[in-house]
Amino acid sequence: MARIAVIGAGTGAMTAAARLAVAGNKVTVYERSASYGGSVGRHEHEGFVFDTGPGLLHLPAVQRDLFVKTGKESLEQCVSLTQVDPAGRHLFADGTAVSLPNASRAGVASALDAALGAGAGERWTGFLERARDVWDRSRRPLLEEPLRADHQVLGRDPYPALKQRRLLRTRQAATVAEIGAWELADARLAALLDGYALSYGLDPRTAPASAALLPYMEQTFGSWYVLGGMRELARAVYERCVARRVEFVFGAEVVRVVEKDGRAAGVELTGGEVAEADRVVLGVRPHAGLVPGGQVWGADDVPVRAGSLPGRFVVLLSLRGARETDAVHRTVVHSADGAAEQEAVFGGRVAAHPTVTVLRPDDPATRPDEAHEAVTLTATVAPQGPVDWTDPAVRQRFADALVERAGAAVPGLRERILHTEIRTPADTEAETGAEGGAVPPPALAGAQGAYLHPGNLTRLPGLHLAGGWSHPGGGLAHAGMSGTLVAGLVVEGDGFRGSR
């Protein structure tokens, strides 16, 4: 039985903890905050309940596998998981609206043709067919296997872009924005694709074409909601850990990974207390000050990405009045000026016309009674630092802008507001310790490896990386895959190549 210390109680780290405990190890999780879940948080106010992190789940097979491998009760026995249909409604700048059905390729094509005109569905379907090639070519090395020593092969973009005749020469789309402009050939379809990238914190102007994988995953495997809020999923994973005798120590901030005889040997907590361990799993963003000698990566490894990544601005609204019977769970109100929004978000400024995601779950657990409704507004924004999100005036102005834009999705929104709660990247930074309140994007192939994350193995023997800041990146599904890979590496050794 090995002693394993896990730093952080995010879903990726807890996935690793549960799997390692089932394998017979003694696992202790050290979490700086007072609770589990990481970014999968919850806010409650006078009977209203809100998710403060992810609002939907994609690729639920990752969580299903975790529960199958760690106990008798399946995922569906521990939480109530429901498909969201339609998967989303999209409101474009020209006033066009389209509702896209959940996990129905033909249904999506028909909806796009009806709303945007004949041919729109065919162009989007053709794009998704090419995106399927990205999935087939990169699924195992990018998502299901530890990062390979020859990870440079993932620097080549697997997206089979169409050849375009541009400026007297043949060109192929290399970025999300170029796919929208050259292959989709409709400003609204381009905005639809840009919106997927932006929701993951990716800049459509520079994100590689392989980001086509993201809408493919959602439209193929569906969008799912957990009744009671996504926090219920974090609760279920936590309870599975406890059932497997994982010990949690909350309010325990790790300041240093202890090294002894050239390998990780435990963790040092604030105050100087040292907890010895045979292995350490780092489930938070790695940085040189946390690891002896900065031995997270080496010259041939993928480094921790430098620079600022965007965060999330969230407005939680307690509303009077019942939810309409035909209301949609998720509505995306696209920016009236996508180019200006991208310039602002990735240039460290406040966007004047943000893209807003409006979540309106039909869930009695989120409201005090049927005469009220809980609504969440989310926008991708520049991180804390370039923008001072602690400034009350800045916070309020941007929250007002989101409410104004969300009014297109929620009838009479402003007049219905009983209470508003604002959460910014500054709050995320304070609660999770993520610099600038940044949210890690998923890993992508292409762009010479610029969108990969540090591998789960490190240069310090006995130290492993799990969670959204390591391979294969951020998002509930990706973080869960990361925890699975770490458990495999610990249990089966460094030669582990993923489950087959």
Protein backbone atom coordinates (compact mmCIF):
# COMPACT_ATOMS: atom_id res chain seq x y z
CA MET A 1 0.00 0.00 0.00
CA ALA A 2 1.49 3.29 -1.11
CA ARG A 3 0.82 6.61 0.61
CA ILE A 4 -0.38 9.13 -1.94
CA ALA A 5 -0.88 12.85 -1.32
CA VAL A 6 -3.22 14.66 -3.71
CA ILE A 7 -3.05 18.46 -3.90
CA GLY A 8 -6.44 19.95 -4.64
CA ALA A 9 -9.99 18.58 -4.60
CA GLY A 10 -11.10 19.46 -8.13
CA THR A 11 -12.93 16.82 -10.12
CA GLY A 12 -9.79 15.66 -11.96
CA ALA A 13 -7.85 15.26 -8.73
CA MET A 14 -10.76 13.46 -7.06
CA THR A 15 -11.04 11.13 -10.06
CA ALA A 16 -7.40 10.15 -9.56
CA ALA A 17 -7.92 9.80 -5.79
CA ALA A 18 -10.91 7.45 -6.12
CA ARG A 19 -9.20 5.23 -8.68
CA LEU A 20 -5.96 5.09 -6.68
CA ALA A 21 -7.83 4.20 -3.49
CA VAL A 22 -9.65 1.34 -5.24
CA ALA A 23 -6.23 0.03 -6.27
CA GLY A 24 -5.33 -0.33 -2.58
CA ASN A 25 -3.44 2.87 -1.88
CA LYS A 26 -3.82 5.15 1.14
CA VAL A 27 -4.88 8.47 -0.37
CA THR A 28 -5.09 11.86 1.35
CA VAL A 29 -6.39 14.96 -0.44
CA TYR A 30 -5.20 18.41 0.72
CA GLU A 31 -7.50 21.26 -0.34
CA ARG A 32 -6.82 24.94 0.39
CA SER A 33 -10.52 25.88 0.48
CA ALA A 34 -13.27 24.66 2.77
CA SER A 35 -14.88 22.31 0.27
CA TYR A 36 -14.40 20.02 -2.71
CA GLY A 37 -15.15 20.53 -6.38
CA GLY A 38 -12.69 23.19 -7.52
CA SER A 39 -14.42 25.24 -10.22
CA VAL A 40 -17.61 23.17 -9.91
CA GLY A 41 -19.11 25.45 -7.28
CA ARG A 42 -22.53 26.41 -5.99
CA HIS A 43 -24.15 29.58 -4.69
CA GLU A 44 -27.37 29.61 -2.67
CA HIS A 45 -29.56 32.58 -1.78
CA GLU A 46 -32.98 32.44 -0.14
CA GLY A 47 -34.06 29.25 -1.85
CA PHE A 48 -32.33 29.95 -5.19
CA VAL A 49 -29.48 27.63 -6.19
CA PHE A 50 -26.90 28.35 -8.90
CA ASP A 51 -23.93 26.62 -10.48
CA THR A 52 -20.92 28.93 -10.43
CA GLY A 53 -18.83 26.79 -12.77
CA PRO A 54 -19.73 24.46 -15.64
CA GLY A 55 -23.46 24.38 -16.31
CA LEU A 56 -23.60 21.35 -18.61
CA LEU A 57 -21.77 18.07 -19.06
CA HIS A 58 -20.46 16.76 -22.38
CA LEU A 59 -19.03 13.30 -22.98
CA PRO A 60 -20.59 11.73 -19.84
CA ALA A 61 -18.90 8.41 -20.66
CA VAL A 62 -15.88 9.68 -18.72
CA GLN A 63 -17.85 9.98 -15.49
CA ARG A 64 -19.76 6.77 -16.16
CA ASP A 65 -16.48 4.86 -16.43
CA LEU A 66 -15.26 6.35 -13.14
CA PHE A 67 -18.30 5.08 -11.26
CA VAL A 68 -18.18 1.66 -12.92
CA LYS A 69 -14.52 1.21 -11.98
CA THR A 70 -14.76 2.47 -8.38
CA GLY A 71 -17.94 0.95 -6.93
CA LYS A 72 -21.20 -0.92 -7.39
CA GLU A 73 -23.42 2.12 -7.93
CA SER A 74 -23.47 3.55 -11.44
CA LEU A 75 -23.34 7.27 -12.22
CA GLU A 76 -27.09 7.30 -12.85
CA GLN A 77 -27.69 5.71 -9.42
CA CYS A 78 -25.78 8.57 -7.78
CA VAL A 79 -27.09 11.56 -9.75
CA SER A 80 -30.08 12.27 -11.99
CA LEU A 81 -28.59 12.90 -15.42
CA THR A 82 -30.85 14.29 -18.15
CA GLN A 83 -30.29 15.27 -21.77
CA VAL A 84 -30.94 18.90 -22.61
CA ASP A 85 -33.17 19.24 -25.67
CA PRO A 86 -32.85 21.46 -27.57
CA ALA A 87 -29.14 21.57 -26.86
CA GLY A 88 -29.20 25.33 -27.28
CA ARG A 89 -30.87 28.32 -28.88
CA HIS A 90 -28.69 30.82 -30.74
CA LEU A 91 -29.58 34.47 -31.23
CA PHE A 92 -27.46 36.21 -33.87
CA ALA A 93 -26.72 39.89 -34.38
CA ASP A 94 -29.06 40.19 -37.36
CA GLY A 95 -32.02 38.98 -35.31
CA THR A 96 -31.96 35.42 -36.67
CA ALA A 97 -32.66 32.69 -34.11
CA VAL A 98 -32.16 28.92 -34.33
CA SER A 99 -32.70 26.10 -31.83
CA LEU A 100 -30.41 23.12 -32.32
CA PRO A 101 -31.64 19.67 -31.22
CA ASN A 102 -29.51 17.53 -28.95
CA ALA A 103 -27.24 14.92 -30.55
CA SER A 104 -29.07 14.85 -33.90
CA ARG A 105 -26.93 15.60 -36.93
CA ALA A 106 -29.91 15.55 -39.29
CA GLY A 107 -32.00 17.63 -36.90
CA VAL A 108 -29.29 20.29 -36.65
CA ALA A 109 -28.99 20.48 -40.43
CA SER A 110 -32.76 20.88 -40.84
CA ALA A 111 -32.91 23.58 -38.15
CA LEU A 112 -30.08 25.53 -39.76
CA ASP A 113 -31.66 25.32 -43.21
CA ALA A 114 -34.98 26.54 -41.84
CA ALA A 115 -33.47 29.46 -39.91
CA LEU A 116 -30.50 30.53 -42.03
CA GLY A 117 -31.53 29.45 -45.50
CA ALA A 118 -31.06 26.46 -47.78
CA GLY A 119 -27.51 25.15 -47.82
CA ALA A 120 -26.60 26.24 -44.29
CA GLY A 121 -27.28 22.78 -42.89
CA GLU A 122 -25.24 21.11 -45.61
CA ARG A 123 -22.24 23.38 -45.00
CA TRP A 124 -22.39 22.75 -41.24
CA THR A 125 -22.79 18.99 -41.75
CA GLY A 126 -19.80 18.95 -44.07
CA PHE A 127 -17.80 20.79 -41.43
CA LEU A 128 -18.81 18.23 -38.78
CA GLU A 129 -17.77 15.39 -41.09
CA ARG A 130 -14.31 16.92 -41.27
CA ALA A 131 -14.41 17.42 -37.49
CA ARG A 132 -15.10 13.70 -37.13
CA ASP A 133 -11.79 13.08 -38.87
CA VAL A 134 -10.13 15.19 -36.17
CA TRP A 135 -11.81 13.02 -33.53
CA ASP A 136 -10.76 9.77 -35.21
CA ARG A 137 -7.17 10.89 -35.74
CA SER A 138 -6.49 12.51 -32.38
CA ARG A 139 -8.85 10.87 -29.86
CA ARG A 140 -6.40 8.36 -28.41
CA PRO A 141 -3.13 10.36 -28.39
CA LEU A 142 -4.84 13.61 -27.41
CA LEU A 143 -7.44 12.40 -24.89
CA GLU A 144 -7.08 8.77 -23.88
CA GLU A 145 -3.32 8.25 -23.57
CA PRO A 146 -0.65 9.91 -21.44
CA LEU A 147 1.20 12.56 -23.40
CA ARG A 148 3.68 10.76 -25.62
CA ALA A 149 7.41 11.40 -25.50
CA ASP A 150 7.15 12.26 -29.18
CA HIS A 151 4.26 14.64 -28.53
CA GLN A 152 5.61 16.83 -31.33
CA VAL A 153 3.49 14.72 -33.70
CA LEU A 154 0.45 16.41 -32.14
CA GLY A 155 1.80 19.70 -33.41
CA ARG A 156 0.40 18.83 -36.83
CA ASP A 157 -3.23 19.86 -37.26
CA PRO A 158 -5.43 16.83 -38.11
CA TYR A 159 -8.29 18.94 -39.51
CA PRO A 160 -8.72 18.14 -43.24
CA ALA A 161 -9.39 21.70 -44.38
CA LEU A 162 -10.94 22.29 -47.76
CA LYS A 163 -8.68 23.78 -50.40
CA GLN A 164 -9.65 27.38 -51.11
CA ARG A 165 -8.62 29.57 -54.02
CA ARG A 166 -7.51 32.79 -52.31
CA LEU A 167 -5.56 35.67 -53.84
CA LEU A 168 -4.45 33.65 -56.85
CA ARG A 169 -3.20 30.78 -54.75
CA THR A 170 -4.61 27.76 -52.96
CA ARG A 171 -4.99 28.06 -49.20
CA GLN A 172 -6.53 25.96 -46.43
CA ALA A 173 -8.11 27.11 -43.19
CA ALA A 174 -5.65 26.86 -40.30
CA THR A 175 -7.72 28.54 -37.56
CA VAL A 176 -11.29 28.52 -36.30
CA ALA A 177 -11.89 31.97 -37.77
CA GLU A 178 -10.67 30.87 -41.19
CA ILE A 179 -12.99 27.85 -41.15
CA GLY A 180 -15.88 30.21 -40.48
CA ALA A 181 -14.92 32.66 -43.20
CA TRP A 182 -13.82 30.22 -45.92
CA GLU A 183 -15.72 26.98 -45.36
CA LEU A 184 -18.95 27.94 -43.61
CA ALA A 185 -19.36 31.10 -45.69
CA ASP A 186 -22.10 32.59 -43.53
CA ALA A 187 -21.52 35.15 -40.78
CA ARG A 188 -24.03 33.39 -38.53
CA LEU A 189 -22.47 29.95 -38.96
CA ALA A 190 -19.09 31.55 -38.33
CA ALA A 191 -20.45 33.13 -35.14
CA LEU A 192 -21.83 29.74 -34.09
CA LEU A 193 -18.38 28.15 -34.46
CA ASP A 194 -16.61 31.12 -32.85
CA GLY A 195 -18.97 30.81 -29.90
CA TYR A 196 -17.85 27.24 -29.23
CA ALA A 197 -14.20 28.30 -29.18
CA LEU A 198 -14.86 31.36 -27.03
CA SER A 199 -16.84 29.35 -24.47
CA TYR A 200 -13.72 27.25 -23.87
CA GLY A 201 -11.53 30.35 -23.53
CA LEU A 202 -10.02 30.02 -27.01
CA ASP A 203 -9.38 32.88 -29.41
CA PRO A 204 -11.03 31.96 -32.75
CA ARG A 205 -8.44 34.04 -34.60
CA THR A 206 -5.55 31.87 -33.41
CA ALA A 207 -7.08 28.59 -32.16
CA PRO A 208 -6.10 25.79 -34.56
CA ALA A 209 -8.66 24.31 -36.92
CA SER A 210 -8.56 21.14 -34.80
CA ALA A 211 -10.82 23.00 -32.33
CA ALA A 212 -13.55 21.63 -34.61
CA LEU A 213 -13.34 18.71 -32.19
CA LEU A 214 -15.28 20.72 -29.58
CA PRO A 215 -18.59 21.24 -31.43
CA TYR A 216 -18.24 17.69 -32.80
CA MET A 217 -18.09 16.23 -29.29
CA GLU A 218 -21.07 18.24 -28.10
CA GLN A 219 -23.28 17.59 -31.12
CA THR A 220 -22.35 13.89 -31.26
CA PHE A 221 -22.44 12.87 -27.61
CA GLY A 222 -24.98 15.43 -26.43
CA SER A 223 -25.40 18.01 -23.69
CA TRP A 224 -26.38 16.77 -20.25
CA TYR A 225 -27.59 18.40 -17.04
CA VAL A 226 -27.50 17.04 -13.50
CA LEU A 227 -30.71 17.71 -11.58
CA GLY A 228 -29.95 19.84 -8.55
CA GLY A 229 -27.13 21.52 -10.46
CA MET A 230 -23.73 20.38 -11.67
CA ARG A 231 -22.43 20.66 -8.12
CA GLU A 232 -24.31 17.38 -7.53
CA LEU A 233 -21.81 15.67 -9.83
CA ALA A 234 -18.91 16.96 -7.72
CA ARG A 235 -20.75 15.78 -4.60
CA ALA A 236 -21.18 12.30 -6.07
CA VAL A 237 -17.48 12.06 -6.96
CA TYR A 238 -16.52 13.28 -3.48
CA GLU A 239 -18.81 10.73 -1.83
CA ARG A 240 -17.36 7.98 -4.00
CA CYS A 241 -13.90 9.00 -2.77
CA VAL A 242 -15.06 8.91 0.85
CA ALA A 243 -16.64 5.49 0.31
CA ARG A 244 -13.27 4.27 -0.96
CA ARG A 245 -11.67 5.65 2.24
CA VAL A 246 -9.96 8.65 0.71
CA GLU A 247 -9.16 11.15 3.48
CA PHE A 248 -9.84 14.85 2.85
CA VAL A 249 -8.11 17.68 4.71
CA PHE A 250 -9.80 21.00 3.98
CA GLY A 251 -8.33 24.40 4.75
CA ALA A 252 -4.90 22.89 4.10
CA GLU A 253 -2.81 24.85 1.61
CA VAL A 254 0.23 23.06 0.20
CA VAL A 255 3.15 25.43 -0.24
CA ARG A 256 5.75 22.95 -1.45
CA VAL A 257 6.21 19.43 -2.75
CA VAL A 258 8.85 17.78 -0.57
CA GLU A 259 11.75 16.10 -2.35
CA LYS A 260 13.94 13.40 -0.84
CA ASP A 261 16.61 11.34 -2.57
CA GLY A 262 15.63 12.76 -5.94
CA ARG A 263 11.90 11.98 -5.84
CA ALA A 264 8.68 13.41 -4.45
CA ALA A 265 8.34 12.41 -0.81
CA GLY A 266 5.39 14.40 0.54
CA VAL A 267 3.93 17.88 0.88
CA GLU A 268 4.61 20.85 3.13
CA LEU A 269 1.61 22.81 4.39
CA THR A 270 1.29 26.42 5.46
CA GLY A 271 2.87 26.59 8.90
CA GLY A 272 5.62 24.14 8.09
CA GLU A 273 3.84 20.82 8.74
CA VAL A 274 5.11 18.06 6.45
CA ALA A 275 2.96 15.10 5.38
CA GLU A 276 5.10 12.28 4.04
CA ALA A 277 4.00 10.34 0.97
CA ASP A 278 5.36 7.84 -1.52
CA ARG A 279 3.81 9.73 -4.42
CA VAL A 280 2.26 13.14 -4.95
CA VAL A 281 -0.51 14.07 -7.39
CA LEU A 282 -0.61 17.76 -8.21
CA GLY A 283 -4.18 18.72 -9.08
CA VAL A 284 -3.67 22.49 -9.31
CA ARG A 285 -1.85 24.70 -11.79
CA PRO A 286 1.84 23.77 -11.50
CA HIS A 287 4.41 26.46 -10.94
CA ALA A 288 8.10 26.46 -10.13
CA GLY A 289 7.66 27.68 -6.56
CA LEU A 290 5.57 24.66 -5.67
CA VAL A 291 7.94 22.05 -7.06
CA PRO A 292 11.63 21.66 -6.07
CA GLY A 293 13.87 23.06 -8.77
CA GLY A 294 10.88 23.66 -11.03
CA GLN A 295 11.03 19.99 -12.08
CA VAL A 296 7.55 19.94 -13.56
CA TRP A 297 8.88 19.95 -17.10
CA GLY A 298 12.14 19.63 -18.96
CA ALA A 299 13.62 20.88 -22.19
CA ASP A 300 11.76 18.29 -24.29
CA ASP A 301 8.44 18.57 -22.44
CA VAL A 302 5.39 20.78 -22.89
CA PRO A 303 5.83 23.74 -20.49
CA VAL A 304 3.12 25.33 -18.45
CA ARG A 305 1.60 27.91 -20.78
CA ALA A 306 2.88 31.40 -20.13
CA GLY A 307 0.79 34.53 -20.28
CA SER A 308 -2.77 35.36 -19.36
CA LEU A 309 -5.68 33.09 -20.14
CA PRO A 310 -9.24 34.42 -20.02
CA GLY A 311 -11.65 33.86 -17.16
CA ARG A 312 -15.41 33.83 -16.64
CA PHE A 313 -17.76 36.62 -15.59
CA VAL A 314 -20.92 35.19 -14.06
CA VAL A 315 -24.16 36.92 -13.05
CA LEU A 316 -26.60 34.94 -10.88
CA LEU A 317 -30.15 36.24 -11.05
CA SER A 318 -33.00 35.44 -8.67
CA LEU A 319 -36.17 36.19 -10.61
CA ARG A 320 -39.82 36.62 -9.70
CA GLY A 321 -42.23 34.97 -12.10
CA ALA A 322 -42.44 31.43 -13.42
CA ARG A 323 -40.26 30.05 -16.20
CA GLU A 324 -42.23 29.89 -19.45
CA THR A 325 -43.20 26.38 -20.50
CA ASP A 326 -41.38 26.76 -23.83
CA ALA A 327 -38.21 28.27 -22.33
CA VAL A 328 -34.89 26.80 -23.51
CA HIS A 329 -32.29 25.56 -21.02
CA ARG A 330 -29.38 27.26 -22.80
CA THR A 331 -29.45 30.31 -25.05
CA VAL A 332 -26.36 31.92 -26.57
CA VAL A 333 -26.77 35.60 -27.44
CA HIS A 334 -23.97 36.18 -29.92
CA SER A 335 -21.99 39.41 -30.03
CA ALA A 336 -23.00 42.17 -32.40
CA ASP A 337 -19.28 42.62 -33.13
CA GLY A 338 -17.39 39.36 -32.68
CA ALA A 339 -14.09 40.77 -33.91
CA ALA A 340 -14.18 43.60 -31.35
CA GLU A 341 -15.12 41.17 -28.59
CA GLN A 342 -12.17 38.93 -29.39
CA GLU A 343 -9.82 41.92 -29.50
CA ALA A 344 -11.04 42.96 -26.04
CA VAL A 345 -11.08 39.56 -24.33
CA PHE A 346 -7.64 38.50 -25.57
CA GLY A 347 -6.22 42.00 -25.44
CA GLY A 348 -6.92 42.52 -21.74
CA ARG A 349 -9.94 44.83 -22.01
CA VAL A 350 -13.65 44.81 -21.25
CA ALA A 351 -15.77 43.90 -24.28
CA ALA A 352 -18.52 46.34 -25.22
CA HIS A 353 -20.67 43.68 -26.91
CA PRO A 354 -20.02 40.36 -25.14
CA THR A 355 -21.36 36.98 -26.17
CA VAL A 356 -23.65 35.87 -23.33
CA THR A 357 -24.68 32.33 -22.43
CA VAL A 358 -28.03 32.23 -20.60
CA LEU A 359 -28.82 29.13 -18.53
CA ARG A 360 -32.41 28.55 -17.41
CA PRO A 361 -32.65 25.01 -16.01
CA ASP A 362 -36.14 23.58 -15.59
CA ASP A 363 -35.20 22.24 -12.17
CA PRO A 364 -37.35 22.68 -9.03
CA ALA A 365 -34.21 22.25 -6.90
CA THR A 366 -32.85 25.59 -8.18
CA ARG A 367 -35.78 27.80 -7.10
CA PRO A 368 -37.87 28.32 -3.96
CA ASP A 369 -41.16 27.56 -5.78
CA GLU A 370 -42.80 27.53 -9.20
CA ALA A 371 -43.41 31.28 -9.03
CA HIS A 372 -39.68 32.03 -9.28
CA GLU A 373 -36.73 31.21 -11.49
CA ALA A 374 -32.94 30.99 -11.16
CA VAL A 375 -31.01 32.24 -14.21
CA THR A 376 -27.25 32.28 -14.81
CA LEU A 377 -25.47 34.56 -17.29
CA THR A 378 -21.90 33.79 -18.33
CA ALA A 379 -19.35 35.54 -20.54
CA THR A 380 -15.72 34.81 -21.33
CA VAL A 381 -13.64 37.82 -20.29
CA ALA A 382 -10.08 39.05 -19.85
CA PRO A 383 -8.54 37.84 -16.56
CA GLN A 384 -8.01 39.71 -13.34
CA GLY A 385 -4.92 41.89 -13.75
CA PRO A 386 -5.30 43.34 -17.21
CA VAL A 387 -8.83 44.25 -16.05
CA ASP A 388 -9.44 45.22 -12.42
CA TRP A 389 -12.49 43.10 -11.71
CA THR A 390 -12.38 44.14 -8.04
CA ASP A 391 -13.50 47.65 -9.07
CA PRO A 392 -17.22 47.85 -8.12
CA ALA A 393 -18.01 50.20 -10.99
CA VAL A 394 -16.39 47.93 -13.58
CA ARG A 395 -18.18 44.89 -12.18
CA GLN A 396 -21.56 46.59 -12.16
CA ARG A 397 -21.26 48.08 -15.64
CA PHE A 398 -20.38 44.75 -17.16
CA ALA A 399 -23.09 42.92 -15.22
CA ASP A 400 -25.61 45.47 -16.50
CA ALA A 401 -24.37 44.88 -20.04
CA LEU A 402 -24.92 41.13 -19.67
CA VAL A 403 -28.41 41.63 -18.27
CA GLU A 404 -29.26 43.98 -21.13
CA ARG A 405 -28.12 41.47 -23.75
CA ALA A 406 -29.74 38.52 -21.95
CA GLY A 407 -33.08 40.30 -22.15
CA ALA A 408 -33.33 38.97 -25.70
CA ALA A 409 -33.53 35.45 -24.24
CA VAL A 410 -35.59 36.05 -21.08
CA PRO A 411 -38.83 38.05 -21.49
CA GLY A 412 -39.08 41.00 -19.08
CA LEU A 413 -35.77 40.07 -17.48
CA ARG A 414 -34.77 43.35 -15.85
CA GLU A 415 -38.20 43.91 -14.27
CA ARG A 416 -38.19 40.39 -12.79
CA ILE A 417 -34.89 40.65 -10.89
CA LEU A 418 -35.14 40.18 -7.13
CA HIS A 419 -31.45 39.69 -6.35
CA THR A 420 -28.17 39.78 -8.29
CA GLU A 421 -24.91 38.07 -7.41
CA ILE A 422 -21.81 38.92 -9.45
CA ARG A 423 -18.77 36.66 -9.74
CA THR A 424 -15.65 37.69 -11.64
CA PRO A 425 -12.19 36.29 -12.40
CA ALA A 426 -11.02 38.05 -9.22
CA ASP A 427 -13.39 35.87 -7.21
CA THR A 428 -12.21 32.77 -9.05
CA GLU A 429 -8.61 33.65 -8.27
CA ALA A 430 -9.39 34.15 -4.57
CA GLU A 431 -11.30 30.89 -4.27
CA THR A 432 -9.23 28.52 -6.41
CA GLY A 433 -5.80 30.14 -6.49
CA ALA A 434 -5.77 30.15 -10.31
CA GLU A 435 -3.71 33.13 -11.43
CA GLY A 436 -5.97 35.86 -12.78
CA GLY A 437 -8.98 33.61 -12.29
CA ALA A 438 -8.02 31.90 -15.54
CA VAL A 439 -9.90 28.83 -16.71
CA PRO A 440 -7.81 26.15 -18.49
CA PRO A 441 -8.87 25.32 -22.05
CA PRO A 442 -8.88 21.76 -23.42
CA ALA A 443 -5.80 20.48 -25.23
CA LEU A 444 -5.80 20.72 -29.02
CA ALA A 445 -3.60 19.23 -31.69
CA GLY A 446 -1.95 21.53 -34.22
CA ALA A 447 -0.31 24.96 -33.91
CA GLN A 448 3.10 23.28 -33.35
CA GLY A 449 1.89 22.02 -29.96
CA ALA A 450 1.05 25.45 -28.55
CA TYR A 451 -2.30 24.18 -27.25
CA LEU A 452 -1.01 21.10 -25.45
CA HIS A 453 -0.71 20.90 -21.66
CA PRO A 454 2.10 19.50 -19.48
CA GLY A 455 2.13 15.71 -19.39
CA ASN A 456 0.90 13.68 -16.42
CA LEU A 457 4.44 12.46 -15.76
CA THR A 458 6.99 15.00 -14.57
CA ARG A 459 10.78 15.22 -14.36
CA LEU A 460 10.55 14.63 -10.61
CA PRO A 461 9.96 10.90 -10.04
CA GLY A 462 6.89 10.26 -7.93
CA LEU A 463 5.18 13.54 -8.92
CA HIS A 464 2.20 13.39 -11.27
CA LEU A 465 -0.07 16.09 -12.72
CA ALA A 466 -3.87 15.74 -12.85
CA GLY A 467 -6.76 18.08 -13.59
CA GLY A 468 -7.47 20.83 -16.07
CA TRP A 469 -3.97 22.34 -16.00
CA SER A 470 -2.38 19.13 -17.24
CA HIS A 471 -2.86 16.79 -20.20
CA PRO A 472 -5.47 16.67 -21.75
CA GLY A 473 -6.65 20.04 -20.40
CA GLY A 474 -9.69 21.80 -19.00
CA GLY A 475 -13.39 20.97 -18.91
CA LEU A 476 -15.19 18.31 -16.87
CA ALA A 477 -14.61 15.52 -19.36
CA HIS A 478 -10.97 16.39 -20.01
CA ALA A 479 -10.15 16.79 -16.30
CA GLY A 480 -11.75 13.40 -15.63
CA MET A 481 -9.59 11.84 -18.35
CA SER A 482 -6.53 13.41 -16.74
CA GLY A 483 -7.31 11.81 -13.38
CA THR A 484 -7.84 8.47 -15.08
CA LEU A 485 -4.45 8.69 -16.82
CA VAL A 486 -2.64 9.54 -13.59
CA ALA A 487 -4.19 6.57 -11.79
CA GLY A 488 -3.12 4.31 -14.64
CA LEU A 489 0.45 5.61 -14.55
CA VAL A 490 0.71 5.13 -10.78
CA VAL A 491 -0.84 1.67 -10.70
CA GLU A 492 0.59 0.20 -13.90
CA GLY A 493 3.82 2.17 -14.16
CA ASP A 494 5.25 4.76 -16.51
CA GLY A 495 4.69 2.45 -19.49
CA PHE A 496 0.89 2.73 -19.14
CA ARG A 497 -0.61 3.73 -22.49
CA GLY A 498 -4.28 4.15 -21.60
CA SER A 499 -7.26 1.82 -21.29
CA ARG A 500 -8.26 -0.16 -24.35
